Amino acid sequence: MDNQNETTGKPLNFSQATRTSDITVDTAWMKQYDEQRPQFMKLIWQRLVFGLVMGGAAVALYAYGHWIFGSVAALLALFALALVFLLHNASGGSAYTSGALVPAIVVRTAPIELLVLANVDCSEEEDADLDAQWAYKRFSVKRLPVHRVELGERVPCIALFGGAQDGRWTRFDPRPLCWATSDAAAIRRNTARIDDSEWDMLSHITDDTTTANGDIVLLDTDESTDP
């Protein structure tokens, strides 16, 4: 069913979100506040160095006539560089405009922890929206610019998904939109673009046993939410 709040994003790392944010990414702001960016940059440099080493090894092996070992090294170099490309996409501003727009709320203030909800169904059936599989996770952040750090504060996020298995994503990584923009009006607008039913579902989750360790929990609406 069409939804006026849904804006299909551009393909990003072999997937395409049906609802994305409409913010304008402030690159300088993002570099200052995005807490996942340093980890991405570390991974990018590690893969890049490995790829260059393997590429150099492939050239040397080919030069000495070791075609089999040279081919293996060349494949490893290509694989590493492909990972660099994927990680670069995930670490940049395109993640905030092509990732899925999802709701999160503050559930702890010291340290700051958020509870985020996302549809992890990735089946290709036309009626997939009718069989949505919701999942939630807690995650911690150091700063929430633009927002008030108080219990129940609504925090629109983007999420990138991975590990597709049996028609479901096995993981997703959320990032608050406020890490990429200081525009309070844009934050409010994207908060409003998330369906009320999702905010309601999120606010009624009573499972507080999961720690902020990145694990996702599949949501059973009969058991994990209040009546």
Protein backbone atom coordinates (compact mmCIF):
# COMPACT_ATOMS: atom_id res chain seq x y z
CA MET A 1 0.00 0.00 0.00
CA ASP A 2 1.31 3.43 -0.87
CA ASN A 3 2.12 5.74 2.01
CA GLN A 4 2.65 9.47 1.63
CA ASN A 5 5.32 9.25 4.34
CA GLU A 6 7.39 6.80 2.31
CA THR A 7 10.16 7.96 0.01
CA THR A 8 12.05 5.18 -1.73
CA GLY A 9 15.78 5.62 -1.35
CA LYS A 10 18.54 5.07 -3.84
CA PRO A 11 20.13 1.60 -3.90
CA LEU A 12 22.89 1.32 -1.29
CA ASN A 13 25.10 -1.76 -0.98
CA PHE A 14 22.68 -4.03 -2.87
CA SER A 15 19.54 -2.99 -0.96
CA GLN A 16 16.95 -0.25 -1.26
CA ALA A 17 14.89 1.25 1.56
CA THR A 18 11.20 1.98 0.99
CA ARG A 19 11.24 4.89 3.45
CA THR A 20 14.24 7.16 3.85
CA SER A 21 14.95 10.50 5.48
CA ASP A 22 14.72 13.74 3.52
CA ILE A 23 17.43 15.62 5.42
CA THR A 24 20.28 17.52 3.84
CA VAL A 25 23.46 16.02 5.24
CA ASP A 26 25.88 18.49 6.82
CA THR A 27 29.21 16.77 6.19
CA ALA A 28 31.15 18.81 8.74
CA TRP A 29 28.48 18.15 11.39
CA MET A 30 28.44 14.45 10.54
CA LYS A 31 32.21 14.17 10.89
CA GLN A 32 31.93 15.77 14.33
CA TYR A 33 29.04 13.73 15.73
CA ASP A 34 28.73 10.41 13.87
CA GLU A 35 30.06 7.98 16.47
CA GLN A 36 30.28 5.07 14.03
CA ARG A 37 32.41 6.91 11.48
CA PRO A 38 35.79 6.34 13.25
CA GLN A 39 35.16 2.59 13.31
CA PHE A 40 34.23 2.60 9.63
CA MET A 41 37.36 4.59 8.74
CA LYS A 42 39.54 2.14 10.67
CA LEU A 43 38.00 -0.80 8.80
CA ILE A 44 38.39 1.00 5.46
CA TRP A 45 42.09 1.64 6.02
CA GLN A 46 42.70 -1.93 7.18
CA ARG A 47 41.03 -3.38 4.06
CA LEU A 48 42.71 -0.85 1.80
CA VAL A 49 46.19 -1.68 3.10
CA PHE A 50 45.47 -5.40 2.82
CA GLY A 51 44.19 -4.96 -0.73
CA LEU A 52 47.25 -2.98 -1.79
CA VAL A 53 49.59 -5.55 -0.24
CA MET A 54 47.78 -8.39 -1.99
CA GLY A 55 47.82 -6.44 -5.25
CA GLY A 56 51.57 -5.93 -4.98
CA ALA A 57 52.05 -9.59 -4.12
CA ALA A 58 50.00 -10.60 -7.16
CA VAL A 59 52.18 -8.50 -9.47
CA ALA A 60 55.36 -10.00 -7.99
CA LEU A 61 54.05 -13.55 -8.20
CA TYR A 62 52.97 -13.09 -11.81
CA ALA A 63 56.40 -11.65 -12.62
CA TYR A 64 58.07 -14.79 -11.31
CA GLY A 65 55.66 -17.08 -13.12
CA HIS A 66 53.61 -18.19 -10.09
CA TRP A 67 50.29 -17.84 -11.87
CA ILE A 68 48.15 -19.80 -9.42
CA PHE A 69 49.38 -18.01 -6.30
CA GLY A 70 49.30 -14.72 -8.18
CA SER A 71 45.67 -15.29 -9.12
CA VAL A 72 44.76 -16.06 -5.50
CA ALA A 73 46.47 -12.87 -4.34
CA ALA A 74 44.71 -10.87 -7.06
CA LEU A 75 41.31 -12.23 -6.01
CA LEU A 76 42.01 -11.36 -2.38
CA ALA A 77 43.00 -7.85 -3.45
CA LEU A 78 39.78 -7.41 -5.43
CA PHE A 79 37.70 -8.73 -2.53
CA ALA A 80 39.38 -6.31 -0.10
CA LEU A 81 38.82 -3.36 -2.44
CA ALA A 82 35.16 -4.35 -2.87
CA LEU A 83 34.80 -4.25 0.92
CA VAL A 84 36.41 -0.81 0.93
CA PHE A 85 33.74 0.36 -1.54
CA LEU A 86 30.89 -1.04 0.58
CA LEU A 87 32.29 0.37 3.81
CA HIS A 88 32.80 3.77 2.19
CA ASN A 89 29.15 3.83 1.15
CA ALA A 90 28.02 2.88 4.65
CA SER A 91 30.22 5.48 6.34
CA GLY A 92 29.29 8.47 4.20
CA GLY A 93 26.38 10.85 3.99
CA SER A 94 24.53 8.60 1.53
CA ALA A 95 23.71 6.29 4.44
CA TYR A 96 21.53 9.05 5.93
CA THR A 97 19.61 9.61 2.71
CA SER A 98 19.40 6.01 1.47
CA GLY A 99 19.14 4.04 4.73
CA ALA A 100 15.75 3.07 6.16
CA LEU A 101 14.05 5.69 8.34
CA VAL A 102 13.21 4.02 11.67
CA PRO A 103 11.96 5.15 15.10
CA ALA A 104 13.93 5.12 18.35
CA ILE A 105 13.26 6.44 21.84
CA VAL A 106 15.50 7.26 24.78
CA VAL A 107 15.20 4.55 27.45
CA ARG A 108 18.15 5.56 29.61
CA THR A 109 19.82 8.90 30.14
CA ALA A 110 23.09 8.14 31.96
CA PRO A 111 24.61 6.68 29.90
CA ILE A 112 22.34 7.40 26.96
CA GLU A 113 20.63 4.30 25.57
CA LEU A 114 18.06 4.12 22.79
CA LEU A 115 15.51 1.49 21.86
CA VAL A 116 15.03 1.25 18.10
CA LEU A 117 12.42 -0.60 16.05
CA ALA A 118 12.80 -1.85 12.47
CA ASN A 119 11.10 -4.17 10.02
CA VAL A 120 13.67 -6.89 9.30
CA ASP A 121 11.59 -8.66 6.66
CA CYS A 122 13.52 -8.76 3.38
CA SER A 123 11.39 -11.19 1.41
CA GLU A 124 10.63 -10.19 -2.16
CA GLU A 125 6.95 -11.09 -2.06
CA GLU A 126 4.53 -8.40 -3.18
CA ASP A 127 2.58 -8.61 0.08
CA ALA A 128 5.69 -8.47 2.27
CA ASP A 129 4.33 -5.38 4.07
CA LEU A 130 1.45 -7.49 5.35
CA ASP A 131 3.88 -9.97 6.92
CA ALA A 132 6.28 -7.49 8.49
CA GLN A 133 8.67 -8.97 11.03
CA TRP A 134 9.49 -6.30 13.55
CA ALA A 135 12.62 -6.39 15.65
CA TYR A 136 14.15 -4.10 18.21
CA LYS A 137 17.50 -3.49 19.83
CA ARG A 138 19.04 -1.27 22.47
CA PHE A 139 22.13 0.71 21.63
CA SER A 140 24.18 3.32 23.41
CA VAL A 141 25.35 6.72 22.19
CA LYS A 142 27.53 9.39 23.75
CA ARG A 143 25.72 12.43 22.39
CA LEU A 144 22.32 13.35 20.96
CA PRO A 145 22.65 16.87 19.57
CA VAL A 146 19.43 18.76 18.84
CA HIS A 147 17.43 16.39 21.10
CA ARG A 148 16.49 16.62 24.75
CA VAL A 149 18.09 13.75 26.63
CA GLU A 150 15.06 12.57 28.57
CA LEU A 151 13.14 9.32 28.82
CA GLY A 152 10.74 8.80 25.95
CA GLU A 153 12.35 11.37 23.65
CA ARG A 154 11.62 10.39 20.05
CA VAL A 155 14.76 10.06 17.95
CA PRO A 156 14.38 9.34 14.21
CA CYS A 157 17.23 7.19 12.92
CA ILE A 158 18.44 5.59 9.75
CA ALA A 159 19.29 1.91 9.70
CA LEU A 160 21.48 -0.17 7.42
CA PHE A 161 20.72 -3.89 7.30
CA GLY A 162 22.82 -6.98 6.71
CA GLY A 163 23.01 -10.75 7.00
CA ALA A 164 19.92 -11.76 5.04
CA GLN A 165 18.75 -15.25 6.01
CA ASP A 166 15.44 -16.99 5.38
CA GLY A 167 13.76 -13.78 4.27
CA ARG A 168 14.95 -11.73 7.25
CA TRP A 169 17.82 -9.44 8.05
CA THR A 170 19.82 -10.81 10.96
CA ARG A 171 21.29 -7.44 11.96
CA PHE A 172 20.77 -3.73 11.53
CA ASP A 173 22.83 -0.72 12.56
CA PRO A 174 20.93 2.45 13.49
CA ARG A 175 22.27 6.00 13.50
CA PRO A 176 20.35 9.04 14.79
CA LEU A 177 19.59 11.63 12.12
CA CYS A 178 20.89 14.30 14.50
CA TRP A 179 24.40 12.98 13.83
CA ALA A 180 24.11 14.30 10.27
CA THR A 181 22.16 17.54 10.61
CA SER A 182 21.68 20.37 13.09
CA ASP A 183 18.35 21.32 11.49
CA ALA A 184 15.78 20.87 14.27
CA ALA A 185 12.90 21.38 11.81
CA ALA A 186 14.20 18.52 9.64
CA ILE A 187 14.42 16.28 12.70
CA ARG A 188 10.82 17.10 13.67
CA ARG A 189 9.63 16.59 10.10
CA ASN A 190 11.19 13.14 9.84
CA THR A 191 9.88 12.21 13.28
CA ALA A 192 6.39 12.98 11.97
CA ARG A 193 6.99 10.94 8.79
CA ILE A 194 7.30 7.75 10.84
CA ASP A 195 3.92 6.06 11.28
CA ASP A 196 2.20 6.58 14.63
CA SER A 197 1.68 2.82 14.85
CA GLU A 198 5.45 2.29 14.91
CA TRP A 199 5.99 4.85 17.66
CA ASP A 200 3.15 3.26 19.62
CA MET A 201 4.58 -0.23 19.14
CA LEU A 202 7.99 0.97 20.28
CA SER A 203 6.68 2.77 23.36
CA HIS A 204 4.86 -0.38 24.54
CA ILE A 205 7.83 -2.74 24.42
CA THR A 206 8.28 -3.93 27.99
CA ASP A 207 11.37 -6.10 27.57
CA ASP A 208 14.13 -4.23 29.39
CA THR A 209 16.45 -7.23 29.80
CA THR A 210 18.48 -6.62 26.66
CA THR A 211 21.61 -4.59 27.23
CA ALA A 212 23.07 -2.16 24.75
CA ASN A 213 25.21 -4.79 23.07
CA GLY A 214 23.84 -4.64 19.55
CA ASP A 215 21.76 -7.83 19.64
CA ILE A 216 18.38 -7.69 17.91
CA VAL A 217 15.22 -9.21 19.36
CA LEU A 218 12.38 -10.34 17.12
CA LEU A 219 9.17 -8.74 18.32
CA ASP A 220 6.24 -10.91 19.32
CA THR A 221 3.43 -8.38 19.60
CA ASP A 222 1.43 -10.74 21.79
CA GLU A 223 4.17 -11.25 24.37
CA SER A 224 6.60 -8.33 24.11
CA THR A 225 4.16 -5.42 24.23
CA ASP A 226 1.51 -4.30 26.66
CA PRO A 227 -2.13 -4.93 25.78
